[in-house]
Amino acid sequence: MVREAFLKSSHLYDITVGQAMTANVVMCDASADLAEALTQMGKHRIRHLVVRDGDEILGFVSIKDILQKIHTDEQLELSVLRDMAGVHATA
């Protein structure tokens, strides 16, 4: 909204959300995998995707959400591998 107000040389309170919103919203299906969502974000140079299930809008996902999920999954995987290595080392 600030950018829109600046571009129109208007006061921030004179700009509506409708004037500032993105008209061509990029969406992904809720069933899309994280790699697919990241690819869409990179392709369109965006940081947020609207998530839908058919015609129903469920919410949105950010690149931060995706990267945090990937990091958490990798940490869990490392922890399991360390535990397995510890079990085999003592067996």
C-alpha atoms as a PDB file:
ATOM      1  CA  MET A   1       0.000   0.000   0.000  1.00  0.00           C
ATOM      2  CA  VAL A   2       2.866   2.336   0.761  1.00  0.00           C
ATOM      3  CA  ARG A   3       4.324   1.703  -2.692  1.00  0.00           C
ATOM      4  CA  GLU A   4       0.949   2.344  -4.309  1.00  0.00           C
ATOM      5  CA  ALA A   5       0.507   5.607  -2.398  1.00  0.00           C
ATOM      6  CA  PHE A   6       4.001   6.704  -3.413  1.00  0.00           C
ATOM      7  CA  LEU A   7       3.430   5.850  -7.083  1.00  0.00           C
ATOM      8  CA  LYS A   8       0.147   7.762  -7.152  1.00  0.00           C
ATOM      9  CA  SER A   9       1.524  10.644  -5.083  1.00  0.00           C
ATOM     10  CA  SER A  10      -1.345  10.081  -2.690  1.00  0.00           C
ATOM     11  CA  HIS A  11      -1.650   9.940   1.050  1.00  0.00           C
ATOM     12  CA  LEU A  12      -1.578   6.389   2.408  1.00  0.00           C
ATOM     13  CA  TYR A  13      -5.086   6.739   3.842  1.00  0.00           C
ATOM     14  CA  ASP A  14      -6.470   7.686   0.422  1.00  0.00           C
ATOM     15  CA  ILE A  15      -5.490   4.339  -1.127  1.00  0.00           C
ATOM     16  CA  THR A  16      -7.851   1.388  -0.788  1.00  0.00           C
ATOM     17  CA  VAL A  17      -6.747  -2.206  -0.387  1.00  0.00           C
ATOM     18  CA  GLY A  18      -8.403  -2.933  -3.731  1.00  0.00           C
ATOM     19  CA  GLN A  19      -6.151  -0.388  -5.425  1.00  0.00           C
ATOM     20  CA  ALA A  20      -3.017  -1.810  -3.818  1.00  0.00           C
ATOM     21  CA  MET A  21      -3.737  -5.531  -4.120  1.00  0.00           C
ATOM     22  CA  THR A  22      -2.199  -7.880  -6.638  1.00  0.00           C
ATOM     23  CA  ALA A  23      -4.755  -8.573  -9.330  1.00  0.00           C
ATOM     24  CA  ASN A  24      -3.194 -11.712 -10.845  1.00  0.00           C
ATOM     25  CA  VAL A  25      -2.692 -13.849  -7.763  1.00  0.00           C
ATOM     26  CA  VAL A  26      -0.495 -16.929  -8.092  1.00  0.00           C
ATOM     27  CA  MET A  27      -2.070 -19.968  -6.455  1.00  0.00           C
ATOM     28  CA  CYS A  28      -1.191 -23.562  -5.754  1.00  0.00           C
ATOM     29  CA  ASP A  29      -3.288 -26.548  -4.825  1.00  0.00           C
ATOM     30  CA  ALA A  30      -3.180 -27.807  -1.253  1.00  0.00           C
ATOM     31  CA  SER A  31      -1.939 -31.144  -2.633  1.00  0.00           C
ATOM     32  CA  ALA A  32       1.147 -29.542  -4.231  1.00  0.00           C
ATOM     33  CA  ASP A  33       4.472 -30.570  -2.730  1.00  0.00           C
ATOM     34  CA  LEU A  34       6.876 -28.049  -1.231  1.00  0.00           C
ATOM     35  CA  ALA A  35       9.278 -28.216  -4.186  1.00  0.00           C
ATOM     36  CA  GLU A  36       6.435 -27.327  -6.537  1.00  0.00           C
ATOM     37  CA  ALA A  37       5.446 -24.350  -4.381  1.00  0.00           C
ATOM     38  CA  LEU A  38       9.061 -23.113  -4.215  1.00  0.00           C
ATOM     39  CA  THR A  39       9.332 -23.460  -7.996  1.00  0.00           C
ATOM     40  CA  GLN A  40       6.216 -21.318  -8.457  1.00  0.00           C
ATOM     41  CA  MET A  41       7.569 -18.702  -6.066  1.00  0.00           C
ATOM     42  CA  GLY A  42      10.876 -18.565  -7.923  1.00  0.00           C
ATOM     43  CA  LYS A  43       9.241 -18.467 -11.334  1.00  0.00           C
ATOM     44  CA  HIS A  44       6.989 -15.559 -10.371  1.00  0.00           C
ATOM     45  CA  ARG A  45       9.514 -13.888  -8.040  1.00  0.00           C
ATOM     46  CA  ILE A  46       7.079 -13.871  -5.136  1.00  0.00           C
ATOM     47  CA  ARG A  47       7.263 -14.790  -1.452  1.00  0.00           C
ATOM     48  CA  HIS A  48       3.647 -15.870  -0.839  1.00  0.00           C
ATOM     49  CA  LEU A  49       1.250 -18.268  -2.559  1.00  0.00           C
ATOM     50  CA  VAL A  50      -2.483 -18.527  -2.088  1.00  0.00           C
ATOM     51  CA  VAL A  51      -3.398 -22.140  -1.281  1.00  0.00           C
ATOM     52  CA  ARG A  52      -6.648 -23.541  -2.615  1.00  0.00           C
ATOM     53  CA  ASP A  53      -8.618 -26.739  -2.596  1.00  0.00           C
ATOM     54  CA  GLY A  54     -10.665 -26.632  -5.775  1.00  0.00           C
ATOM     55  CA  ASP A  55     -12.490 -23.302  -5.704  1.00  0.00           C
ATOM     56  CA  GLU A  56     -12.061 -22.844  -1.952  1.00  0.00           C
ATOM     57  CA  ILE A  57      -9.275 -20.568  -0.703  1.00  0.00           C
ATOM     58  CA  LEU A  58      -7.649 -22.199   2.331  1.00  0.00           C
ATOM     59  CA  GLY A  59      -5.061 -19.534   3.116  1.00  0.00           C
ATOM     60  CA  PHE A  60      -1.560 -18.732   2.008  1.00  0.00           C
ATOM     61  CA  VAL A  61       1.935 -20.098   2.450  1.00  0.00           C
ATOM     62  CA  SER A  62       5.110 -18.057   2.591  1.00  0.00           C
ATOM     63  CA  ILE A  63       8.612 -18.974   1.525  1.00  0.00           C
ATOM     64  CA  LYS A  64       9.549 -18.676   5.210  1.00  0.00           C
ATOM     65  CA  ASP A  65       6.909 -21.308   6.108  1.00  0.00           C
ATOM     66  CA  ILE A  66       8.287 -23.695   3.491  1.00  0.00           C
ATOM     67  CA  LEU A  67      11.935 -23.212   4.392  1.00  0.00           C
ATOM     68  CA  GLN A  68      11.137 -23.637   8.091  1.00  0.00           C
ATOM     69  CA  LYS A  69       9.306 -26.915   7.354  1.00  0.00           C
ATOM     70  CA  ILE A  70      12.203 -28.205   5.247  1.00  0.00           C
ATOM     71  CA  HIS A  71      14.671 -27.277   7.997  1.00  0.00           C
ATOM     72  CA  THR A  72      12.577 -28.990  10.679  1.00  0.00           C
ATOM     73  CA  ASP A  73      12.281 -32.145   8.561  1.00  0.00           C
ATOM     74  CA  GLU A  74      16.033 -32.180   7.907  1.00  0.00           C
ATOM     75  CA  GLN A  75      16.765 -31.740  11.619  1.00  0.00           C
ATOM     76  CA  LEU A  76      14.463 -34.671  12.432  1.00  0.00           C
ATOM     77  CA  GLU A  77      16.115 -36.814   9.771  1.00  0.00           C
ATOM     78  CA  LEU A  78      19.582 -35.997  11.140  1.00  0.00           C
ATOM     79  CA  SER A  79      18.460 -36.806  14.661  1.00  0.00           C
ATOM     80  CA  VAL A  80      17.090 -40.194  13.575  1.00  0.00           C
ATOM     81  CA  LEU A  81      20.288 -40.973  11.651  1.00  0.00           C
ATOM     82  CA  ARG A  82      22.411 -40.037  14.669  1.00  0.00           C
ATOM     83  CA  ASP A  83      20.287 -42.275  16.895  1.00  0.00           C
ATOM     84  CA  MET A  84      20.602 -45.135  14.419  1.00  0.00           C
ATOM     85  CA  ALA A  85      24.374 -44.653  14.182  1.00  0.00           C
ATOM     86  CA  GLY A  86      24.588 -44.681  17.978  1.00  0.00           C
ATOM     87  CA  VAL A  87      22.599 -47.911  18.206  1.00  0.00           C
ATOM     88  CA  HIS A  88      24.743 -49.647  15.577  1.00  0.00           C
ATOM     89  CA  ALA A  89      27.979 -48.373  17.142  1.00  0.00           C
ATOM     90  CA  THR A  90      27.134 -49.969  20.481  1.00  0.00           C
ATOM     91  CA  ALA A  91      25.593 -53.175  19.074  1.00  0.00           C
END
